[in-house]
C-alpha atoms as a PDB file:
ATOM      1  CA  UNK A   1      30.853 -52.550  56.716  1.00  0.00           C
ATOM      2  CA  UNK A   2      28.995 -53.869  59.796  1.00  0.00           C
ATOM      3  CA  UNK A   3      27.817 -51.188  62.215  1.00  0.00           C
ATOM      4  CA  UNK A   4      27.531 -53.384  65.320  1.00  0.00           C
ATOM      5  CA  UNK A   5      28.953 -56.515  66.872  1.00  0.00           C
ATOM      6  CA  UNK A   6      25.741 -58.426  66.093  1.00  0.00           C
ATOM      7  CA  UNK A   7      26.004 -57.472  62.415  1.00  0.00           C
ATOM      8  CA  UNK A   8      29.660 -58.518  62.392  1.00  0.00           C
ATOM      9  CA  UNK A   9      28.829 -61.873  64.007  1.00  0.00           C
ATOM     10  CA  UNK A  10      26.118 -62.508  61.409  1.00  0.00           C
ATOM     11  CA  UNK A  11      28.512 -61.634  58.580  1.00  0.00           C
ATOM     12  CA  UNK A  12      31.238 -63.947  59.897  1.00  0.00           C
ATOM     13  CA  UNK A  13      28.814 -66.829  60.316  1.00  0.00           C
ATOM     14  CA  UNK A  14      27.460 -66.333  56.787  1.00  0.00           C
ATOM     15  CA  UNK A  15      30.920 -66.220  55.190  1.00  0.00           C
ATOM     16  CA  UNK A  16      32.830 -68.543  57.506  1.00  0.00           C
ATOM     17  CA  UNK A  17      32.958 -71.510  55.129  1.00  0.00           C
ATOM     18  CA  UNK A  18      34.481 -69.274  52.428  1.00  0.00           C
ATOM     19  CA  UNK A  19      37.354 -68.041  54.607  1.00  0.00           C
ATOM     20  CA  UNK A  20      40.874 -69.462  54.494  1.00  0.00           C
ATOM     21  CA  UNK A  21      41.952 -71.699  57.416  1.00  0.00           C
ATOM     22  CA  UNK A  22      43.957 -68.834  58.991  1.00  0.00           C
ATOM     23  CA  UNK A  23      41.034 -66.451  58.680  1.00  0.00           C
ATOM     24  CA  UNK A  24      38.676 -69.087  60.128  1.00  0.00           C
ATOM     25  CA  UNK A  25      40.895 -69.438  63.202  1.00  0.00           C
ATOM     26  CA  UNK A  26      40.958 -65.674  63.657  1.00  0.00           C
ATOM     27  CA  UNK A  27      37.230 -65.233  63.064  1.00  0.00           C
ATOM     28  CA  UNK A  28      36.328 -68.029  65.462  1.00  0.00           C
ATOM     29  CA  UNK A  29      38.404 -66.418  68.200  1.00  0.00           C
ATOM     30  CA  UNK A  30      36.739 -63.037  67.615  1.00  0.00           C
ATOM     31  CA  UNK A  31      33.263 -64.480  68.108  1.00  0.00           C
ATOM     32  CA  UNK A  32      34.132 -66.824  70.955  1.00  0.00           C
ATOM     33  CA  UNK A  33      36.159 -64.293  73.000  1.00  0.00           C
ATOM     34  CA  UNK A  34      34.660 -60.859  72.281  1.00  0.00           C
ATOM     35  CA  UNK A  35      35.483 -59.439  75.728  1.00  0.00           C
ATOM     36  CA  UNK A  36      39.131 -60.380  75.363  1.00  0.00           C
ATOM     37  CA  UNK A  37      39.287 -58.723  71.929  1.00  0.00           C
ATOM     38  CA  UNK A  38      37.925 -55.497  73.411  1.00  0.00           C
ATOM     39  CA  UNK A  39      40.713 -55.170  75.991  1.00  0.00           C
ATOM     40  CA  UNK A  40      43.683 -56.789  74.218  1.00  0.00           C
ATOM     41  CA  UNK A  41      46.215 -55.590  71.686  1.00  0.00           C
ATOM     42  CA  UNK A  42      46.145 -56.991  68.163  1.00  0.00           C
ATOM     43  CA  UNK A  43      49.375 -58.857  68.860  1.00  0.00           C
ATOM     44  CA  UNK A  44      47.886 -60.493  71.956  1.00  0.00           C
ATOM     45  CA  UNK A  45      44.696 -61.448  70.116  1.00  0.00           C
ATOM     46  CA  UNK A  46      46.768 -62.933  67.293  1.00  0.00           C
ATOM     47  CA  UNK A  47      48.833 -64.928  69.780  1.00  0.00           C
ATOM     48  CA  UNK A  48      45.714 -66.287  71.509  1.00  0.00           C
ATOM     49  CA  UNK A  49      44.054 -67.087  68.179  1.00  0.00           C
ATOM     50  CA  UNK A  50      47.275 -68.733  66.930  1.00  0.00           C
ATOM     51  CA  UNK A  51      47.452 -66.594  63.797  1.00  0.00           C
ATOM     52  CA  UNK A  52      49.788 -63.888  62.533  1.00  0.00           C
ATOM     53  CA  UNK A  53      48.896 -60.249  63.366  1.00  0.00           C
ATOM     54  CA  UNK A  54      48.884 -59.513  59.639  1.00  0.00           C
ATOM     55  CA  UNK A  55      46.131 -62.122  59.239  1.00  0.00           C
ATOM     56  CA  UNK A  56      43.881 -60.137  61.572  1.00  0.00           C
ATOM     57  CA  UNK A  57      44.463 -57.005  59.478  1.00  0.00           C
ATOM     58  CA  UNK A  58      43.637 -58.827  56.254  1.00  0.00           C
ATOM     59  CA  UNK A  59      40.620 -60.494  57.872  1.00  0.00           C
ATOM     60  CA  UNK A  60      39.352 -57.077  58.982  1.00  0.00           C
ATOM     61  CA  UNK A  61      39.689 -55.780  55.432  1.00  0.00           C
ATOM     62  CA  UNK A  62      37.967 -58.831  53.980  1.00  0.00           C
ATOM     63  CA  UNK A  63      35.045 -58.155  56.323  1.00  0.00           C
ATOM     64  CA  UNK A  64      34.767 -54.601  55.013  1.00  0.00           C
ATOM     65  CA  UNK A  65      36.826 -52.591  57.515  1.00  0.00           C
ATOM     66  CA  UNK A  66      39.747 -50.281  56.653  1.00  0.00           C
ATOM     67  CA  UNK A  67      41.850 -52.105  59.239  1.00  0.00           C
ATOM     68  CA  UNK A  68      42.019 -53.852  62.615  1.00  0.00           C
ATOM     69  CA  UNK A  69      41.298 -50.790  64.761  1.00  0.00           C
ATOM     70  CA  UNK A  70      37.969 -50.136  63.055  1.00  0.00           C
ATOM     71  CA  UNK A  71      36.893 -53.750  63.556  1.00  0.00           C
ATOM     72  CA  UNK A  72      38.026 -53.745  67.199  1.00  0.00           C
ATOM     73  CA  UNK A  73      35.933 -50.616  67.834  1.00  0.00           C
ATOM     74  CA  UNK A  74      32.798 -52.783  67.580  1.00  0.00           C
ATOM     75  CA  UNK A  75      34.083 -55.011  70.383  1.00  0.00           C
ATOM     76  CA  UNK A  76      34.900 -52.003  72.547  1.00  0.00           C
ATOM     77  CA  UNK A  77      31.432 -50.545  71.944  1.00  0.00           C
ATOM     78  CA  UNK A  78      29.866 -53.887  72.878  1.00  0.00           C
ATOM     79  CA  UNK A  79      31.573 -53.849  76.278  1.00  0.00           C
ATOM     80  CA  UNK A  80      30.670 -50.217  76.941  1.00  0.00           C
ATOM     81  CA  UNK A  81      26.989 -50.822  76.289  1.00  0.00           C
ATOM     82  CA  UNK A  82      26.735 -53.902  78.494  1.00  0.00           C
ATOM     83  CA  UNK A  83      24.323 -53.270  81.420  1.00  0.00           C
ATOM     84  CA  UNK A  84      26.503 -55.067  83.945  1.00  0.00           C
ATOM     85  CA  UNK A  85      30.279 -55.567  83.982  1.00  0.00           C
ATOM     86  CA  UNK A  86      31.538 -59.067  83.308  1.00  0.00           C
ATOM     87  CA  UNK A  87      33.482 -60.956  85.920  1.00  0.00           C
ATOM     88  CA  UNK A  88      37.176 -61.405  85.305  1.00  0.00           C
ATOM     89  CA  UNK A  89      38.050 -64.190  82.892  1.00  0.00           C
ATOM     90  CA  UNK A  90      41.364 -64.846  84.550  1.00  0.00           C
ATOM     91  CA  UNK A  91      41.671 -67.918  86.738  1.00  0.00           C
ATOM     92  CA  UNK A  92      44.572 -69.883  88.138  1.00  0.00           C
ATOM     93  CA  UNK A  93      45.948 -72.712  86.106  1.00  0.00           C
ATOM     94  CA  UNK A  94      45.629 -76.117  87.661  1.00  0.00           C
ATOM     95  CA  UNK A  95      48.960 -77.611  88.647  1.00  0.00           C
ATOM     96  CA  UNK A  96      49.488 -81.135  87.366  1.00  0.00           C
ATOM     97  CA  UNK A  97      50.722 -82.394  90.732  1.00  0.00           C
ATOM     98  CA  UNK A  98      48.119 -80.628  92.867  1.00  0.00           C
ATOM     99  CA  UNK A  99      45.904 -83.685  93.370  1.00  0.00           C
ATOM    100  CA  UNK A 100      44.741 -82.521  96.776  1.00  0.00           C
ATOM    101  CA  UNK A 101      43.392 -79.334  95.220  1.00  0.00           C
ATOM    102  CA  UNK A 102      41.562 -81.000  92.325  1.00  0.00           C
ATOM    103  CA  UNK A 103      38.115 -80.958  93.945  1.00  0.00           C
ATOM    104  CA  UNK A 104      38.471 -77.262  94.690  1.00  0.00           C
ATOM    105  CA  UNK A 105      39.830 -76.523  91.220  1.00  0.00           C
ATOM    106  CA  UNK A 106      36.880 -78.317  89.640  1.00  0.00           C
ATOM    107  CA  UNK A 107      34.443 -76.114  91.542  1.00  0.00           C
ATOM    108  CA  UNK A 108      36.384 -72.992  90.589  1.00  0.00           C
ATOM    109  CA  UNK A 109      36.293 -74.016  86.929  1.00  0.00           C
ATOM    110  CA  UNK A 110      32.548 -74.687  87.109  1.00  0.00           C
ATOM    111  CA  UNK A 111      31.938 -71.284  88.640  1.00  0.00           C
ATOM    112  CA  UNK A 112      34.032 -69.622  85.960  1.00  0.00           C
ATOM    113  CA  UNK A 113      32.147 -71.472  83.216  1.00  0.00           C
ATOM    114  CA  UNK A 114      28.804 -70.443  84.670  1.00  0.00           C
ATOM    115  CA  UNK A 115      29.783 -66.791  85.015  1.00  0.00           C
ATOM    116  CA  UNK A 116      31.191 -66.608  81.506  1.00  0.00           C
ATOM    117  CA  UNK A 117      28.197 -68.394  80.007  1.00  0.00           C
ATOM    118  CA  UNK A 118      25.695 -66.221  81.861  1.00  0.00           C
ATOM    119  CA  UNK A 119      27.388 -63.047  80.654  1.00  0.00           C
ATOM    120  CA  UNK A 120      27.457 -64.282  77.055  1.00  0.00           C
ATOM    121  CA  UNK A 121      23.810 -65.357  76.838  1.00  0.00           C
ATOM    122  CA  UNK A 122      21.689 -63.034  78.966  1.00  0.00           C
ATOM    123  CA  UNK A 123      19.904 -61.397  76.026  1.00  0.00           C
ATOM    124  CA  UNK A 124      19.956 -64.335  73.622  1.00  0.00           C
ATOM    125  CA  UNK A 125      18.326 -66.693  76.132  1.00  0.00           C
ATOM    126  CA  UNK A 126      15.196 -64.551  76.230  1.00  0.00           C
ATOM    127  CA  UNK A 127      15.174 -64.254  72.429  1.00  0.00           C
ATOM    128  CA  UNK A 128      15.529 -68.041  72.050  1.00  0.00           C
ATOM    129  CA  UNK A 129      12.704 -68.628  74.526  1.00  0.00           C
ATOM    130  CA  UNK A 130      10.428 -66.422  72.446  1.00  0.00           C
ATOM    131  CA  UNK A 131      11.262 -68.402  69.317  1.00  0.00           C
ATOM    132  CA  UNK A 132      10.421 -71.644  71.116  1.00  0.00           C
ATOM    133  CA  UNK A 133       7.171 -70.300  72.493  1.00  0.00           C
ATOM    134  CA  UNK A 134       5.921 -69.364  69.012  1.00  0.00           C
ATOM    135  CA  UNK A 135       6.675 -72.797  67.539  1.00  0.00           C
ATOM    136  CA  UNK A 136       3.791 -75.308  67.352  1.00  0.00           C
ATOM    137  CA  UNK A 137       6.229 -78.122  68.226  1.00  0.00           C
ATOM    138  CA  UNK A 138       9.728 -78.184  69.694  1.00  0.00           C
ATOM    139  CA  UNK A 139      12.304 -80.921  69.013  1.00  0.00           C
ATOM    140  CA  UNK A 140      15.395 -81.303  71.180  1.00  0.00           C
ATOM    141  CA  UNK A 141      18.551 -83.271  70.394  1.00  0.00           C
ATOM    142  CA  UNK A 142      21.757 -83.983  72.282  1.00  0.00           C
ATOM    143  CA  UNK A 143      23.914 -87.048  71.788  1.00  0.00           C
ATOM    144  CA  UNK A 144      26.579 -88.846  73.803  1.00  0.00           C
ATOM    145  CA  UNK A 145      27.605 -86.627  76.735  1.00  0.00           C
ATOM    146  CA  UNK A 146      25.087 -83.952  75.669  1.00  0.00           C
ATOM    147  CA  UNK A 147      22.169 -86.360  75.998  1.00  0.00           C
ATOM    148  CA  UNK A 148      21.576 -85.590  79.718  1.00  0.00           C
ATOM    149  CA  UNK A 149      21.371 -81.866  78.920  1.00  0.00           C
ATOM    150  CA  UNK A 150      18.778 -82.483  76.191  1.00  0.00           C
ATOM    151  CA  UNK A 151      16.831 -84.926  78.359  1.00  0.00           C
ATOM    152  CA  UNK A 152      16.726 -82.499  81.283  1.00  0.00           C
ATOM    153  CA  UNK A 153      15.494 -79.694  79.048  1.00  0.00           C
ATOM    154  CA  UNK A 154      12.710 -81.849  77.619  1.00  0.00           C
ATOM    155  CA  UNK A 155      11.752 -83.218  81.047  1.00  0.00           C
ATOM    156  CA  UNK A 156      11.326 -79.753  82.540  1.00  0.00           C
ATOM    157  CA  UNK A 157       9.619 -78.289  79.473  1.00  0.00           C
ATOM    158  CA  UNK A 158       7.104 -81.107  79.155  1.00  0.00           C
ATOM    159  CA  UNK A 159       5.851 -80.486  82.668  1.00  0.00           C
ATOM    160  CA  UNK A 160       3.916 -77.535  81.247  1.00  0.00           C
ATOM    161  CA  UNK A 161       3.928 -78.177  77.494  1.00  0.00           C
ATOM    162  CA  UNK A 162       3.072 -81.446  75.744  1.00  0.00           C
ATOM    163  CA  UNK A 163       4.305 -80.608  72.231  1.00  0.00           C
ATOM    164  CA  UNK A 164       7.994 -81.206  72.971  1.00  0.00           C
ATOM    165  CA  UNK A 165       9.935 -84.203  71.630  1.00  0.00           C
ATOM    166  CA  UNK A 166      13.362 -85.661  72.350  1.00  0.00           C
ATOM    167  CA  UNK A 167      15.232 -86.873  69.263  1.00  0.00           C
ATOM    168  CA  UNK A 168      17.239 -89.886  70.396  1.00  0.00           C
ATOM    169  CA  UNK A 169      17.951 -92.024  67.320  1.00  0.00           C
ATOM    170  CA  UNK A 170      17.767 -95.235  69.315  1.00  0.00           C
ATOM    171  CA  UNK A 171      18.112 -98.436  67.286  1.00  0.00           C
ATOM    172  CA  UNK A 172      19.142 -96.418  64.244  1.00  0.00           C
ATOM    173  CA  UNK A 173      15.836 -94.552  63.958  1.00  0.00           C
ATOM    174  CA  UNK A 174      17.154 -90.997  63.782  1.00  0.00           C
ATOM    175  CA  UNK A 175      16.232 -90.513  60.122  1.00  0.00           C
ATOM    176  CA  UNK A 176      12.666 -91.629  60.876  1.00  0.00           C
ATOM    177  CA  UNK A 177      12.445 -89.233  63.816  1.00  0.00           C
ATOM    178  CA  UNK A 178      13.708 -86.360  61.690  1.00  0.00           C
ATOM    179  CA  UNK A 179      10.690 -86.805  59.440  1.00  0.00           C
ATOM    180  CA  UNK A 180       8.599 -85.445  62.306  1.00  0.00           C
ATOM    181  CA  UNK A 181      10.206 -82.009  62.038  1.00  0.00           C
ATOM    182  CA  UNK A 182       7.839 -79.689  60.191  1.00  0.00           C
ATOM    183  CA  UNK A 183       8.032 -76.156  58.860  1.00  0.00           C
ATOM    184  CA  UNK A 184       7.688 -73.522  61.584  1.00  0.00           C
ATOM    185  CA  UNK A 185       8.725 -76.023  64.285  1.00  0.00           C
ATOM    186  CA  UNK A 186      11.697 -75.177  66.469  1.00  0.00           C
ATOM    187  CA  UNK A 187      14.662 -77.502  66.940  1.00  0.00           C
ATOM    188  CA  UNK A 188      17.243 -77.260  69.724  1.00  0.00           C
ATOM    189  CA  UNK A 189      20.566 -79.002  69.132  1.00  0.00           C
ATOM    190  CA  UNK A 190      23.235 -79.347  71.822  1.00  0.00           C
ATOM    191  CA  UNK A 191      26.836 -80.235  70.966  1.00  0.00           C
ATOM    192  CA  UNK A 192      30.455 -79.196  71.561  1.00  0.00           C
ATOM    193  CA  UNK A 193      33.781 -80.017  69.965  1.00  0.00           C
ATOM    194  CA  UNK A 194      34.356 -82.647  68.659  1.00  0.00           C
ATOM    195  CA  UNK A 195      30.816 -82.286  67.309  1.00  0.00           C
ATOM    196  CA  UNK A 196      28.795 -85.467  66.989  1.00  0.00           C
ATOM    197  CA  UNK A 197      27.699 -86.565  63.530  1.00  0.00           C
ATOM    198  CA  UNK A 198      24.142 -87.002  64.783  1.00  0.00           C
ATOM    199  CA  UNK A 199      23.920 -83.447  66.127  1.00  0.00           C
ATOM    200  CA  UNK A 200      25.082 -82.001  62.819  1.00  0.00           C
ATOM    201  CA  UNK A 201      22.581 -84.174  60.974  1.00  0.00           C
ATOM    202  CA  UNK A 202      19.711 -82.922  63.133  1.00  0.00           C
ATOM    203  CA  UNK A 203      20.751 -79.302  62.553  1.00  0.00           C
ATOM    204  CA  UNK A 204      20.911 -79.874  58.800  1.00  0.00           C
ATOM    205  CA  UNK A 205      17.525 -81.590  58.780  1.00  0.00           C
ATOM    206  CA  UNK A 206      15.936 -78.768  60.762  1.00  0.00           C
ATOM    207  CA  UNK A 207      17.128 -76.223  58.208  1.00  0.00           C
ATOM    208  CA  UNK A 208      16.109 -78.434  55.279  1.00  0.00           C
ATOM    209  CA  UNK A 209      12.592 -78.771  56.664  1.00  0.00           C
ATOM    210  CA  UNK A 210      12.100 -75.094  57.479  1.00  0.00           C
ATOM    211  CA  UNK A 211      12.388 -75.372  61.256  1.00  0.00           C
ATOM    212  CA  UNK A 212      13.829 -72.628  63.420  1.00  0.00           C
ATOM    213  CA  UNK A 213      17.196 -73.779  64.757  1.00  0.00           C
ATOM    214  CA  UNK A 214      18.589 -72.971  68.188  1.00  0.00           C
ATOM    215  CA  UNK A 215      22.143 -74.139  68.866  1.00  0.00           C
ATOM    216  CA  UNK A 216      23.528 -74.675  72.365  1.00  0.00           C
ATOM    217  CA  UNK A 217      27.213 -75.056  71.658  1.00  0.00           C
ATOM    218  CA  UNK A 218      30.745 -73.905  72.444  1.00  0.00           C
ATOM    219  CA  UNK A 219      31.458 -71.718  69.413  1.00  0.00           C
ATOM    220  CA  UNK A 220      29.607 -69.249  67.235  1.00  0.00           C
ATOM    221  CA  UNK A 221      31.126 -71.003  64.220  1.00  0.00           C
ATOM    222  CA  UNK A 222      30.492 -74.602  65.252  1.00  0.00           C
ATOM    223  CA  UNK A 223      28.794 -76.759  62.566  1.00  0.00           C
ATOM    224  CA  UNK A 224      25.436 -76.499  64.326  1.00  0.00           C
ATOM    225  CA  UNK A 225      25.724 -72.726  64.908  1.00  0.00           C
ATOM    226  CA  UNK A 226      26.695 -71.315  61.516  1.00  0.00           C
ATOM    227  CA  UNK A 227      23.116 -71.237  60.163  1.00  0.00           C
ATOM    228  CA  UNK A 228      21.208 -71.243  63.446  1.00  0.00           C
ATOM    229  CA  UNK A 229      18.562 -68.628  64.216  1.00  0.00           C
ATOM    230  CA  UNK A 230      19.813 -68.291  67.794  1.00  0.00           C
ATOM    231  CA  UNK A 231      23.139 -69.419  69.255  1.00  0.00           C
ATOM    232  CA  UNK A 232      23.686 -69.959  72.981  1.00  0.00           C
ATOM    233  CA  UNK A 233      27.366 -70.454  73.759  1.00  0.00           C
ATOM    234  CA  UNK A 234      28.638 -72.265  76.844  1.00  0.00           C
ATOM    235  CA  UNK A 235      32.133 -72.577  78.274  1.00  0.00           C
ATOM    236  CA  UNK A 236      33.328 -76.070  79.221  1.00  0.00           C
ATOM    237  CA  UNK A 237      36.804 -75.586  80.678  1.00  0.00           C
ATOM    238  CA  UNK A 238      37.768 -78.141  83.307  1.00  0.00           C
ATOM    239  CA  UNK A 239      40.896 -79.403  85.063  1.00  0.00           C
ATOM    240  CA  UNK A 240      39.429 -82.873  84.666  1.00  0.00           C
ATOM    241  CA  UNK A 241      40.064 -85.082  81.639  1.00  0.00           C
ATOM    242  CA  UNK A 242      36.566 -84.394  80.261  1.00  0.00           C
ATOM    243  CA  UNK A 243      34.909 -81.060  79.419  1.00  0.00           C
ATOM    244  CA  UNK A 244      32.372 -79.690  81.876  1.00  0.00           C
ATOM    245  CA  UNK A 245      28.681 -79.595  80.959  1.00  0.00           C
ATOM    246  CA  UNK A 246      27.552 -77.599  83.994  1.00  0.00           C
ATOM    247  CA  UNK A 247      27.143 -74.409  81.955  1.00  0.00           C
ATOM    248  CA  UNK A 248      25.265 -76.210  79.159  1.00  0.00           C
ATOM    249  CA  UNK A 249      22.872 -77.586  81.760  1.00  0.00           C
ATOM    250  CA  UNK A 250      22.464 -74.101  83.205  1.00  0.00           C
ATOM    251  CA  UNK A 251      21.475 -72.780  79.760  1.00  0.00           C
ATOM    252  CA  UNK A 252      18.877 -75.537  79.388  1.00  0.00           C
ATOM    253  CA  UNK A 253      17.428 -74.801  82.826  1.00  0.00           C
ATOM    254  CA  UNK A 254      17.403 -71.078  82.117  1.00  0.00           C
ATOM    255  CA  UNK A 255      15.525 -71.631  78.864  1.00  0.00           C
ATOM    256  CA  UNK A 256      12.858 -73.678  80.644  1.00  0.00           C
ATOM    257  CA  UNK A 257      12.475 -71.048  83.361  1.00  0.00           C
ATOM    258  CA  UNK A 258      12.105 -68.246  80.801  1.00  0.00           C
ATOM    259  CA  UNK A 259       9.558 -70.290  78.864  1.00  0.00           C
ATOM    260  CA  UNK A 260       7.461 -70.757  81.980  1.00  0.00           C
ATOM    261  CA  UNK A 261       7.440 -67.024  82.651  1.00  0.00           C
ATOM    262  CA  UNK A 262       6.520 -66.271  79.032  1.00  0.00           C
ATOM    263  CA  UNK A 263       3.629 -68.745  79.090  1.00  0.00           C
ATOM    264  CA  UNK A 264       2.343 -67.308  82.355  1.00  0.00           C
ATOM    265  CA  UNK A 265      -0.711 -68.574  84.216  1.00  0.00           C
ATOM    266  CA  UNK A 266      -1.536 -71.240  81.619  1.00  0.00           C
ATOM    267  CA  UNK A 267       1.854 -72.877  82.076  1.00  0.00           C
ATOM    268  CA  UNK A 268       1.518 -72.794  85.842  1.00  0.00           C
ATOM    269  CA  UNK A 269      -1.830 -74.566  85.546  1.00  0.00           C
ATOM    270  CA  UNK A 270      -0.309 -77.226  83.287  1.00  0.00           C
ATOM    271  CA  UNK A 271       2.547 -77.672  85.722  1.00  0.00           C
ATOM    272  CA  UNK A 272       0.138 -78.064  88.624  1.00  0.00           C
ATOM    273  CA  UNK A 273      -1.826 -80.728  86.752  1.00  0.00           C
ATOM    274  CA  UNK A 274       1.345 -82.628  85.864  1.00  0.00           C
ATOM    275  CA  UNK A 275       2.640 -82.513  89.418  1.00  0.00           C
ATOM    276  CA  UNK A 276      -0.703 -83.672  90.814  1.00  0.00           C
ATOM    277  CA  UNK A 277      -0.849 -86.567  88.325  1.00  0.00           C
ATOM    278  CA  UNK A 278       2.692 -87.709  89.159  1.00  0.00           C
ATOM    279  CA  UNK A 279       1.910 -87.838  92.856  1.00  0.00           C
ATOM    280  CA  UNK A 280      -1.438 -89.570  92.254  1.00  0.00           C
ATOM    281  CA  UNK A 281       0.210 -92.291  90.153  1.00  0.00           C
ATOM    282  CA  UNK A 282       2.864 -93.045  92.750  1.00  0.00           C
ATOM    283  CA  UNK A 283       5.827 -91.552  90.908  1.00  0.00           C
ATOM    284  CA  UNK A 284       7.385 -90.434  94.193  1.00  0.00           C
ATOM    285  CA  UNK A 285       7.945 -92.154  97.530  1.00  0.00           C
ATOM    286  CA  UNK A 286       6.687 -89.116  99.435  1.00  0.00           C
END
């Protein structure tokens, strides 16, 4: 029986593919909404996860617990040991006919996503940065709407480190680019539901080739997260027709900032050289 939330999360990720569809729905909700599990009744959790309460009991037992209460205790302990309280997850629903309020509602949703994402990833971001720093080469991949997030991460990182590559797959060359991933490299993959085929392929290739895998995604049981070494989860709720990527971008920027601090004076020197070269070559108007 797992003794901590982290052990439980690792167990669920390892056994997720073996679970029944009902158990998968319940397990995914547990990992994606741990704060809600800590403060909600079993019936409420079951309703939110769209499963029967009995399924949560049986899932708890399948994971090695006597029952639901023993499993939930890990979520309660996780909240009690958090250094800072989380902001409330409640926010007003956007009214369909409130067009005049849409701009405001978008900003509210972005703020909520950022707060939720920051609370979820404070510790893991530092751990992921350490993994990246130790790797001799870092590969980054994000496709379709996640491409700007990946590009921004690589752009910022390469200002003080040259051994960073963006996997793009242009002109059907993804398989050729994947050959560049070596053992002990680190690979960052960014994707959210519905998960792109290319992102899943990069994650699979990274694992096949012995690379460390860091997933920036929306669920601890997403296809790119199940076998990842580190998982950074972002919220993408939005009143708009398309999910928000503000929180994913924030994670990428936070990773780059942490990497700079870990590298220290050497990174600052590299950054200074890059900035000086850009100005000297006329990259900017002023």
